[in-house]
Structure formats: structure tokens, C-alpha cells
Amino acid sequence: MAEPPDWRSQETERALNRLERQGFAWEFLRRNPVYRSEYDRLHGTPASRPGASQRSAAPQWGLRFPD
């Protein structure tokens, strides 16, 4: 996962101030070091079924994916 922009920069602050709840929640989540570690682990692990490991980890982070 790529590093998120520095939240202390004025440009990033302006962008964050324009976000709605879902966008702000995503920005908060993607800066969480535990989530980033889990994402990297899942991204590098092939699943027996496409998306199976992601679906099992999604509830832990409050994520929902369309079927």
C-alpha cells in the first residue's frame, strides 16, 4: 500500500476538509498502521477463492464489498 499524503500539509488539509463521512473514514483507516500491515499481508497472499481472504478480514475493519 502506498504511503498516504502528509495530513499536515495545507493541500492535504484542504482535500480532507472537502470529504464526506465515507471518504474521511477511508482516509483515517488507510493511515492506521495495523490496517496497513493487514492489507499488505492479504494483498501478498493468494486466496483459494478470489476475494475470500479479503471478505474474512473486512468485518474487522468495518468494510463492506458488493457481491
C-alpha atoms as a PDB file:
ATOM      1  CA  MET A   1       0.000   0.000   0.000  1.00  0.00           C
ATOM      2  CA  ALA A   2       1.394   3.387  -0.953  1.00  0.00           C
ATOM      3  CA  GLU A   3       2.072   5.919   1.773  1.00  0.00           C
ATOM      4  CA  PRO A   4      -0.831   8.347   2.275  1.00  0.00           C
ATOM      5  CA  PRO A   5      -0.156  12.051   1.854  1.00  0.00           C
ATOM      6  CA  ASP A   6       1.097  14.005   4.852  1.00  0.00           C
ATOM      7  CA  TRP A   7      -2.040  15.191   6.665  1.00  0.00           C
ATOM      8  CA  ARG A   8      -0.172  18.238   7.953  1.00  0.00           C
ATOM      9  CA  SER A   9       0.298  19.796   4.503  1.00  0.00           C
ATOM     10  CA  GLN A  10      -2.106  22.595   3.599  1.00  0.00           C
ATOM     11  CA  GLU A  11      -3.061  20.900   0.330  1.00  0.00           C
ATOM     12  CA  THR A  12      -3.972  17.647   2.079  1.00  0.00           C
ATOM     13  CA  GLU A  13      -5.832  19.526   4.810  1.00  0.00           C
ATOM     14  CA  ARG A  14      -7.984  21.280   2.198  1.00  0.00           C
ATOM     15  CA  ALA A  15      -8.726  17.965   0.471  1.00  0.00           C
ATOM     16  CA  LEU A  16      -9.684  16.300   3.779  1.00  0.00           C
ATOM     17  CA  ASN A  17     -11.977  19.187   4.676  1.00  0.00           C
ATOM     18  CA  ARG A  18     -13.966  18.590   1.471  1.00  0.00           C
ATOM     19  CA  LEU A  19     -14.596  14.906   2.184  1.00  0.00           C
ATOM     20  CA  GLU A  20     -17.890  13.411   3.276  1.00  0.00           C
ATOM     21  CA  ARG A  21     -18.047  10.834   6.082  1.00  0.00           C
ATOM     22  CA  GLN A  22     -17.149   7.794   3.974  1.00  0.00           C
ATOM     23  CA  GLY A  23     -14.163   9.492   2.400  1.00  0.00           C
ATOM     24  CA  PHE A  24     -12.904  10.762   5.735  1.00  0.00           C
ATOM     25  CA  ALA A  25     -13.331   7.304   7.298  1.00  0.00           C
ATOM     26  CA  TRP A  26     -11.273   5.791   4.471  1.00  0.00           C
ATOM     27  CA  GLU A  27      -8.518   8.378   4.936  1.00  0.00           C
ATOM     28  CA  PHE A  28      -8.455   7.624   8.667  1.00  0.00           C
ATOM     29  CA  LEU A  29      -8.374   3.856   8.085  1.00  0.00           C
ATOM     30  CA  ARG A  30      -5.638   3.874   5.467  1.00  0.00           C
ATOM     31  CA  ARG A  31      -3.344   5.715   7.878  1.00  0.00           C
ATOM     32  CA  ASN A  32      -3.801   3.033  10.579  1.00  0.00           C
ATOM     33  CA  PRO A  33      -0.527   1.044  10.791  1.00  0.00           C
ATOM     34  CA  VAL A  34      -2.278  -2.187  11.830  1.00  0.00           C
ATOM     35  CA  TYR A  35      -4.696  -1.948   8.873  1.00  0.00           C
ATOM     36  CA  ARG A  36      -1.804  -1.199   6.503  1.00  0.00           C
ATOM     37  CA  SER A  37       0.065  -4.262   7.757  1.00  0.00           C
ATOM     38  CA  GLU A  38      -3.022  -6.479   7.366  1.00  0.00           C
ATOM     39  CA  TYR A  39      -3.652  -5.088   3.875  1.00  0.00           C
ATOM     40  CA  ASP A  40      -0.071  -5.859   2.819  1.00  0.00           C
ATOM     41  CA  ARG A  41      -0.348  -9.380   4.269  1.00  0.00           C
ATOM     42  CA  LEU A  42      -3.635 -10.094   2.470  1.00  0.00           C
ATOM     43  CA  HIS A  43      -2.515  -8.469  -0.750  1.00  0.00           C
ATOM     44  CA  GLY A  44       0.513 -10.774  -0.926  1.00  0.00           C
ATOM     45  CA  THR A  45      -1.354 -13.997  -0.079  1.00  0.00           C
ATOM     46  CA  PRO A  46      -3.176 -15.840  -2.871  1.00  0.00           C
ATOM     47  CA  ALA A  47      -6.640 -16.993  -1.853  1.00  0.00           C
ATOM     48  CA  SER A  48      -8.206 -20.314  -2.776  1.00  0.00           C
ATOM     49  CA  ARG A  49     -11.221 -18.343  -3.989  1.00  0.00           C
ATOM     50  CA  PRO A  50     -10.927 -14.829  -5.373  1.00  0.00           C
ATOM     51  CA  GLY A  51     -11.611 -12.328  -2.588  1.00  0.00           C
ATOM     52  CA  ALA A  52     -12.042 -14.959   0.137  1.00  0.00           C
ATOM     53  CA  SER A  53      -9.339 -13.627   2.458  1.00  0.00           C
ATOM     54  CA  GLN A  54     -10.471 -10.039   1.918  1.00  0.00           C
ATOM     55  CA  ARG A  55     -14.068 -10.919   2.819  1.00  0.00           C
ATOM     56  CA  SER A  56     -12.959 -12.642   6.017  1.00  0.00           C
ATOM     57  CA  ALA A  57     -10.878  -9.606   7.104  1.00  0.00           C
ATOM     58  CA  ALA A  58     -13.400  -6.965   6.032  1.00  0.00           C
ATOM     59  CA  PRO A  59     -15.689  -7.141   9.115  1.00  0.00           C
ATOM     60  CA  GLN A  60     -12.742  -6.475  11.430  1.00  0.00           C
ATOM     61  CA  TRP A  61     -12.317  -3.083   9.766  1.00  0.00           C
ATOM     62  CA  GLY A  62     -15.993  -2.333   9.143  1.00  0.00           C
ATOM     63  CA  LEU A  63     -15.619  -2.756   5.382  1.00  0.00           C
ATOM     64  CA  ARG A  64     -18.353  -3.998   3.069  1.00  0.00           C
ATOM     65  CA  PHE A  65     -17.874  -5.088  -0.533  1.00  0.00           C
ATOM     66  CA  PRO A  66     -20.596  -5.609  -3.149  1.00  0.00           C
ATOM     67  CA  ASP A  67     -21.064  -9.223  -4.256  1.00  0.00           C
END
